[in-house]
Amino acid sequence: MQIKKCDEVAPSIYAGGLPGVTMREMITAADGAPTFAMRVFDVDAGASTPFHHHAWEHEVFIVSGSGHIKSEQGDRPFAGGDTVFIAGNEPHCFVAETPVRFVCVIPSPDRCQAG
């Protein structure tokens, strides 16, 4: 078992990310997790993750803040306490209206399919 404090894990710039977006890799294969990876994102007010898609699903828990998710179906608002399911191959990005922190769970990289 491992316990980590979020703010003790160094943030990194999200690959392909835009300014104002950082990611903390909380649980990965390096921690012995063979199936899923858990990441914490911080998105500054006015910033967004890139509009993208990939073959794998992910589940998101909005810890704090508010904004909207862009998708092909239009913008959908979110706020702290919300959960989001993004299906594989669904184009999306998170746009922060206030500072946003969210937890994102994805399959471990060796379980993800190129998309």
N, C-alpha and C. Protein backbone atom coordinates (compact mmCIF):
# COMPACT_ATOMS: atom_id res chain seq x y z
N MET A 1 0.84 -1.18 0.00
CA MET A 1 0.00 0.00 0.00
C MET A 1 0.88 1.24 0.00
N GLN A 2 0.43 2.25 -0.72
CA GLN A 2 1.13 3.53 -0.74
C GLN A 2 0.13 4.64 -0.45
N ILE A 3 0.60 5.66 0.22
CA ILE A 3 -0.18 6.87 0.43
C ILE A 3 0.70 8.04 0.05
N LYS A 4 0.18 8.90 -0.82
CA LYS A 4 0.92 10.08 -1.26
C LYS A 4 0.04 11.30 -1.04
N LYS A 5 0.65 12.39 -0.69
CA LYS A 5 -0.04 13.67 -0.63
C LYS A 5 0.10 14.33 -2.00
N CYS A 6 -1.00 14.80 -2.54
CA CYS A 6 -1.02 15.35 -3.89
C CYS A 6 0.02 16.46 -4.06
N ASP A 7 0.07 17.38 -3.13
CA ASP A 7 0.96 18.52 -3.28
C ASP A 7 2.43 18.16 -3.07
N GLU A 8 2.72 16.92 -2.67
CA GLU A 8 4.11 16.47 -2.55
C GLU A 8 4.61 15.78 -3.81
N VAL A 9 3.72 15.56 -4.78
CA VAL A 9 4.11 14.99 -6.07
C VAL A 9 4.36 16.16 -7.02
N ALA A 10 5.55 16.20 -7.58
CA ALA A 10 5.93 17.33 -8.45
C ALA A 10 5.03 17.38 -9.68
N PRO A 11 4.52 18.56 -10.00
CA PRO A 11 3.73 18.69 -11.23
C PRO A 11 4.63 18.71 -12.45
N SER A 12 4.08 18.27 -13.56
CA SER A 12 4.79 18.33 -14.83
C SER A 12 3.86 18.96 -15.86
N ILE A 13 4.45 19.41 -16.95
CA ILE A 13 3.63 19.94 -18.04
C ILE A 13 3.03 18.75 -18.77
N TYR A 14 1.74 18.80 -18.99
CA TYR A 14 1.04 17.73 -19.67
C TYR A 14 1.54 17.64 -21.11
N ALA A 15 1.91 16.45 -21.55
CA ALA A 15 2.43 16.25 -22.92
C ALA A 15 1.42 16.77 -23.92
N GLY A 16 1.86 17.66 -24.79
CA GLY A 16 0.96 18.26 -25.76
C GLY A 16 0.08 19.32 -25.14
N GLY A 17 0.37 19.63 -23.88
CA GLY A 17 -0.47 20.56 -23.15
C GLY A 17 -0.25 22.01 -23.52
N LEU A 18 -1.16 22.79 -23.06
CA LEU A 18 -1.14 24.22 -23.30
C LEU A 18 -0.69 24.94 -22.03
N PRO A 19 -0.26 26.20 -22.12
CA PRO A 19 0.13 26.94 -20.91
C PRO A 19 -1.02 26.96 -19.90
N GLY A 20 -0.66 26.86 -18.62
CA GLY A 20 -1.66 26.91 -17.56
C GLY A 20 -2.22 25.57 -17.17
N VAL A 21 -1.65 24.48 -17.71
CA VAL A 21 -2.13 23.13 -17.38
C VAL A 21 -0.96 22.32 -16.84
N THR A 22 -1.10 21.80 -15.62
CA THR A 22 -0.08 20.90 -15.07
C THR A 22 -0.74 19.60 -14.65
N MET A 23 0.08 18.57 -14.56
CA MET A 23 -0.40 17.24 -14.22
C MET A 23 0.53 16.62 -13.17
N ARG A 24 -0.06 15.95 -12.20
CA ARG A 24 0.68 15.17 -11.22
C ARG A 24 0.33 13.71 -11.44
N GLU A 25 1.32 12.88 -11.69
CA GLU A 25 1.08 11.45 -11.87
C GLU A 25 1.10 10.79 -10.50
N MET A 26 -0.09 10.59 -9.95
CA MET A 26 -0.22 10.12 -8.57
C MET A 26 0.03 8.62 -8.44
N ILE A 27 -0.57 7.83 -9.32
CA ILE A 27 -0.41 6.37 -9.29
C ILE A 27 -0.20 5.91 -10.72
N THR A 28 0.90 5.19 -10.95
CA THR A 28 1.23 4.70 -12.30
C THR A 28 1.81 3.30 -12.19
N ALA A 29 2.20 2.75 -13.32
CA ALA A 29 2.86 1.45 -13.33
C ALA A 29 4.13 1.46 -12.48
N ALA A 30 4.79 2.63 -12.40
CA ALA A 30 6.01 2.74 -11.58
C ALA A 30 5.72 2.49 -10.10
N ASP A 31 4.46 2.67 -9.70
CA ASP A 31 4.05 2.41 -8.31
C ASP A 31 3.55 0.98 -8.14
N GLY A 32 3.56 0.20 -9.22
CA GLY A 32 3.08 -1.18 -9.16
C GLY A 32 1.62 -1.33 -9.57
N ALA A 33 1.03 -0.29 -10.16
CA ALA A 33 -0.36 -0.36 -10.61
C ALA A 33 -0.39 -0.81 -12.07
N PRO A 34 -0.73 -2.07 -12.34
CA PRO A 34 -0.64 -2.59 -13.70
C PRO A 34 -1.82 -2.25 -14.61
N THR A 35 -2.93 -1.78 -14.05
CA THR A 35 -4.14 -1.65 -14.83
C THR A 35 -4.55 -0.20 -15.10
N PHE A 36 -4.45 0.66 -14.09
CA PHE A 36 -4.90 2.04 -14.23
C PHE A 36 -3.82 3.02 -13.80
N ALA A 37 -3.93 4.24 -14.31
CA ALA A 37 -3.10 5.36 -13.87
C ALA A 37 -4.03 6.45 -13.37
N MET A 38 -3.65 7.08 -12.26
CA MET A 38 -4.41 8.19 -11.70
C MET A 38 -3.57 9.45 -11.77
N ARG A 39 -4.16 10.49 -12.35
CA ARG A 39 -3.44 11.76 -12.50
C ARG A 39 -4.31 12.88 -11.95
N VAL A 40 -3.65 13.91 -11.42
CA VAL A 40 -4.35 15.09 -10.94
C VAL A 40 -3.92 16.27 -11.82
N PHE A 41 -4.90 16.93 -12.40
CA PHE A 41 -4.65 18.08 -13.26
C PHE A 41 -5.05 19.37 -12.55
N ASP A 42 -4.25 20.40 -12.75
CA ASP A 42 -4.60 21.75 -12.34
C ASP A 42 -4.64 22.60 -13.60
N VAL A 43 -5.75 23.31 -13.79
CA VAL A 43 -5.94 24.14 -14.98
C VAL A 43 -6.25 25.55 -14.50
N ASP A 44 -5.40 26.49 -14.87
CA ASP A 44 -5.59 27.89 -14.49
C ASP A 44 -6.84 28.46 -15.14
N ALA A 45 -7.44 29.44 -14.46
CA ALA A 45 -8.61 30.13 -15.04
C ALA A 45 -8.25 30.66 -16.42
N GLY A 46 -9.10 30.40 -17.40
CA GLY A 46 -8.87 30.84 -18.76
C GLY A 46 -8.04 29.89 -19.60
N ALA A 47 -7.46 28.87 -19.00
CA ALA A 47 -6.64 27.89 -19.73
C ALA A 47 -7.50 26.67 -20.08
N SER A 48 -6.96 25.81 -20.95
CA SER A 48 -7.67 24.59 -21.30
C SER A 48 -6.69 23.48 -21.65
N THR A 49 -7.17 22.26 -21.54
CA THR A 49 -6.41 21.12 -22.05
C THR A 49 -6.57 21.14 -23.56
N PRO A 50 -5.71 20.46 -24.32
CA PRO A 50 -5.87 20.46 -25.77
C PRO A 50 -7.13 19.71 -26.20
N PHE A 51 -7.73 20.13 -27.29
CA PHE A 51 -8.88 19.40 -27.86
C PHE A 51 -8.29 18.18 -28.55
N HIS A 52 -8.66 17.00 -28.08
CA HIS A 52 -8.03 15.77 -28.57
C HIS A 52 -8.98 14.58 -28.39
N HIS A 53 -8.55 13.44 -28.90
CA HIS A 53 -9.27 12.18 -28.66
C HIS A 53 -8.25 11.05 -28.66
N HIS A 54 -8.66 9.92 -28.12
CA HIS A 54 -7.83 8.72 -28.05
C HIS A 54 -8.75 7.52 -27.88
N ALA A 55 -8.24 6.36 -28.13
CA ALA A 55 -9.07 5.16 -28.15
C ALA A 55 -9.60 4.76 -26.77
N TRP A 56 -8.91 5.15 -25.71
CA TRP A 56 -9.31 4.69 -24.38
C TRP A 56 -10.25 5.68 -23.70
N GLU A 57 -11.07 5.11 -22.83
CA GLU A 57 -11.97 5.90 -21.99
C GLU A 57 -11.19 6.55 -20.85
N HIS A 58 -11.80 7.53 -20.22
CA HIS A 58 -11.33 7.93 -18.91
C HIS A 58 -12.46 8.49 -18.06
N GLU A 59 -12.23 8.37 -16.78
CA GLU A 59 -13.17 8.82 -15.78
C GLU A 59 -12.54 9.99 -15.04
N VAL A 60 -13.34 11.02 -14.78
CA VAL A 60 -12.82 12.25 -14.19
C VAL A 60 -13.70 12.64 -13.01
N PHE A 61 -13.04 13.09 -11.93
CA PHE A 61 -13.75 13.67 -10.79
C PHE A 61 -13.27 15.11 -10.66
N ILE A 62 -14.19 16.06 -10.72
CA ILE A 62 -13.86 17.47 -10.57
C ILE A 62 -13.75 17.76 -9.08
N VAL A 63 -12.54 18.04 -8.61
CA VAL A 63 -12.32 18.31 -7.19
C VAL A 63 -12.80 19.72 -6.85
N SER A 64 -12.39 20.69 -7.67
CA SER A 64 -12.78 22.08 -7.39
C SER A 64 -12.74 22.89 -8.68
N GLY A 65 -13.43 24.02 -8.63
CA GLY A 65 -13.45 24.93 -9.76
C GLY A 65 -14.64 24.70 -10.67
N SER A 66 -14.68 25.48 -11.75
CA SER A 66 -15.79 25.35 -12.70
C SER A 66 -15.30 25.70 -14.10
N GLY A 67 -16.05 25.22 -15.06
CA GLY A 67 -15.71 25.47 -16.46
C GLY A 67 -16.66 24.69 -17.35
N HIS A 68 -16.15 24.32 -18.52
CA HIS A 68 -16.97 23.52 -19.42
C HIS A 68 -16.07 22.56 -20.21
N ILE A 69 -16.69 21.51 -20.68
CA ILE A 69 -16.02 20.53 -21.52
C ILE A 69 -16.52 20.75 -22.94
N LYS A 70 -15.59 20.95 -23.86
CA LYS A 70 -15.95 21.06 -25.27
C LYS A 70 -16.01 19.66 -25.86
N SER A 71 -17.02 19.41 -26.66
CA SER A 71 -17.15 18.14 -27.35
C SER A 71 -17.86 18.39 -28.67
N GLU A 72 -17.97 17.37 -29.48
CA GLU A 72 -18.68 17.51 -30.75
C GLU A 72 -20.17 17.73 -30.54
N GLN A 73 -20.67 17.41 -29.36
CA GLN A 73 -22.08 17.62 -29.03
C GLN A 73 -22.33 19.00 -28.43
N GLY A 74 -21.29 19.82 -28.30
CA GLY A 74 -21.43 21.15 -27.71
C GLY A 74 -20.76 21.22 -26.36
N ASP A 75 -20.80 22.41 -25.76
CA ASP A 75 -20.18 22.63 -24.46
C ASP A 75 -21.08 22.12 -23.35
N ARG A 76 -20.45 21.50 -22.34
CA ARG A 76 -21.18 21.01 -21.16
C ARG A 76 -20.51 21.59 -19.93
N PRO A 77 -21.27 22.28 -19.05
CA PRO A 77 -20.66 22.87 -17.86
C PRO A 77 -20.31 21.81 -16.82
N PHE A 78 -19.31 22.13 -16.00
CA PHE A 78 -18.96 21.28 -14.86
C PHE A 78 -18.57 22.16 -13.68
N ALA A 79 -18.63 21.56 -12.48
CA ALA A 79 -18.24 22.26 -11.26
C ALA A 79 -17.74 21.22 -10.26
N GLY A 80 -17.08 21.71 -9.21
CA GLY A 80 -16.56 20.82 -8.17
C GLY A 80 -17.61 19.84 -7.70
N GLY A 81 -17.23 18.58 -7.55
CA GLY A 81 -18.13 17.52 -7.13
C GLY A 81 -18.72 16.73 -8.27
N ASP A 82 -18.59 17.22 -9.51
CA ASP A 82 -19.12 16.50 -10.67
C ASP A 82 -18.20 15.36 -11.08
N THR A 83 -18.78 14.35 -11.71
CA THR A 83 -18.01 13.29 -12.35
C THR A 83 -18.27 13.34 -13.84
N VAL A 84 -17.28 12.92 -14.62
CA VAL A 84 -17.36 12.95 -16.08
C VAL A 84 -16.85 11.62 -16.62
N PHE A 85 -17.60 11.03 -17.53
CA PHE A 85 -17.14 9.85 -18.26
C PHE A 85 -16.91 10.27 -19.70
N ILE A 86 -15.72 10.02 -20.21
CA ILE A 86 -15.40 10.32 -21.60
C ILE A 86 -15.10 8.99 -22.28
N ALA A 87 -15.92 8.64 -23.24
CA ALA A 87 -15.76 7.37 -23.95
C ALA A 87 -14.55 7.42 -24.88
N GLY A 88 -14.05 6.26 -25.24
CA GLY A 88 -12.96 6.18 -26.20
C GLY A 88 -13.34 6.86 -27.51
N ASN A 89 -12.38 7.53 -28.11
CA ASN A 89 -12.52 8.24 -29.39
C ASN A 89 -13.47 9.43 -29.36
N GLU A 90 -13.84 9.90 -28.17
CA GLU A 90 -14.70 11.07 -28.06
C GLU A 90 -13.84 12.34 -27.95
N PRO A 91 -13.86 13.22 -28.96
CA PRO A 91 -13.07 14.45 -28.88
C PRO A 91 -13.53 15.32 -27.71
N HIS A 92 -12.57 15.90 -27.00
CA HIS A 92 -12.91 16.67 -25.80
C HIS A 92 -11.76 17.57 -25.36
N CYS A 93 -12.09 18.56 -24.57
CA CYS A 93 -11.10 19.33 -23.80
C CYS A 93 -11.82 19.98 -22.63
N PHE A 94 -11.05 20.25 -21.58
CA PHE A 94 -11.56 20.91 -20.38
C PHE A 94 -11.14 22.37 -20.43
N VAL A 95 -12.10 23.28 -20.29
CA VAL A 95 -11.84 24.72 -20.29
C VAL A 95 -12.18 25.24 -18.89
N ALA A 96 -11.21 25.87 -18.23
CA ALA A 96 -11.41 26.36 -16.87
C ALA A 96 -11.90 27.81 -16.88
N GLU A 97 -13.01 28.06 -16.21
CA GLU A 97 -13.49 29.43 -16.03
C GLU A 97 -12.95 30.00 -14.72
N THR A 98 -12.77 29.13 -13.72
CA THR A 98 -12.07 29.45 -12.47
C THR A 98 -10.94 28.42 -12.37
N PRO A 99 -10.00 28.57 -11.46
CA PRO A 99 -8.98 27.52 -11.32
C PRO A 99 -9.65 26.17 -11.05
N VAL A 100 -9.23 25.15 -11.78
CA VAL A 100 -9.85 23.83 -11.71
C VAL A 100 -8.81 22.79 -11.31
N ARG A 101 -9.21 21.88 -10.44
CA ARG A 101 -8.42 20.68 -10.14
C ARG A 101 -9.32 19.49 -10.40
N PHE A 102 -8.81 18.51 -11.19
CA PHE A 102 -9.58 17.29 -11.40
C PHE A 102 -8.67 16.07 -11.36
N VAL A 103 -9.28 14.95 -10.99
CA VAL A 103 -8.62 13.65 -10.96
C VAL A 103 -9.06 12.90 -12.20
N CYS A 104 -8.10 12.33 -12.93
CA CYS A 104 -8.38 11.61 -14.16
C CYS A 104 -7.81 10.20 -14.03
N VAL A 105 -8.62 9.19 -14.31
CA VAL A 105 -8.18 7.80 -14.28
C VAL A 105 -8.26 7.25 -15.69
N ILE A 106 -7.15 6.66 -16.14
CA ILE A 106 -7.07 6.07 -17.48
C ILE A 106 -6.45 4.68 -17.37
N PRO A 107 -6.59 3.86 -18.40
CA PRO A 107 -5.85 2.59 -18.41
C PRO A 107 -4.35 2.88 -18.42
N SER A 108 -3.59 2.01 -17.78
CA SER A 108 -2.13 2.17 -17.82
C SER A 108 -1.67 2.20 -19.27
N PRO A 109 -0.56 2.90 -19.55
CA PRO A 109 -0.12 3.07 -20.95
C PRO A 109 -0.03 1.78 -21.75
N ASP A 110 0.38 0.69 -21.13
CA ASP A 110 0.49 -0.55 -21.90
C ASP A 110 -0.89 -1.16 -22.20
N ARG A 111 -1.94 -0.61 -21.61
CA ARG A 111 -3.29 -1.08 -21.89
C ARG A 111 -4.04 -0.14 -22.81
N CYS A 112 -3.49 1.05 -23.07
CA CYS A 112 -4.11 2.01 -23.99
C CYS A 112 -3.84 1.60 -25.42
N GLN A 113 -4.78 1.86 -26.27
CA GLN A 113 -4.62 1.60 -27.70
C GLN A 113 -4.39 2.94 -28.39
N ALA A 114 -3.55 2.95 -29.39
CA ALA A 114 -3.30 4.19 -30.15
C ALA A 114 -4.63 4.69 -30.72
N GLY A 115 -4.82 6.02 -30.68
CA GLY A 115 -6.08 6.55 -31.16
C GLY A 115 -5.99 7.81 -31.89
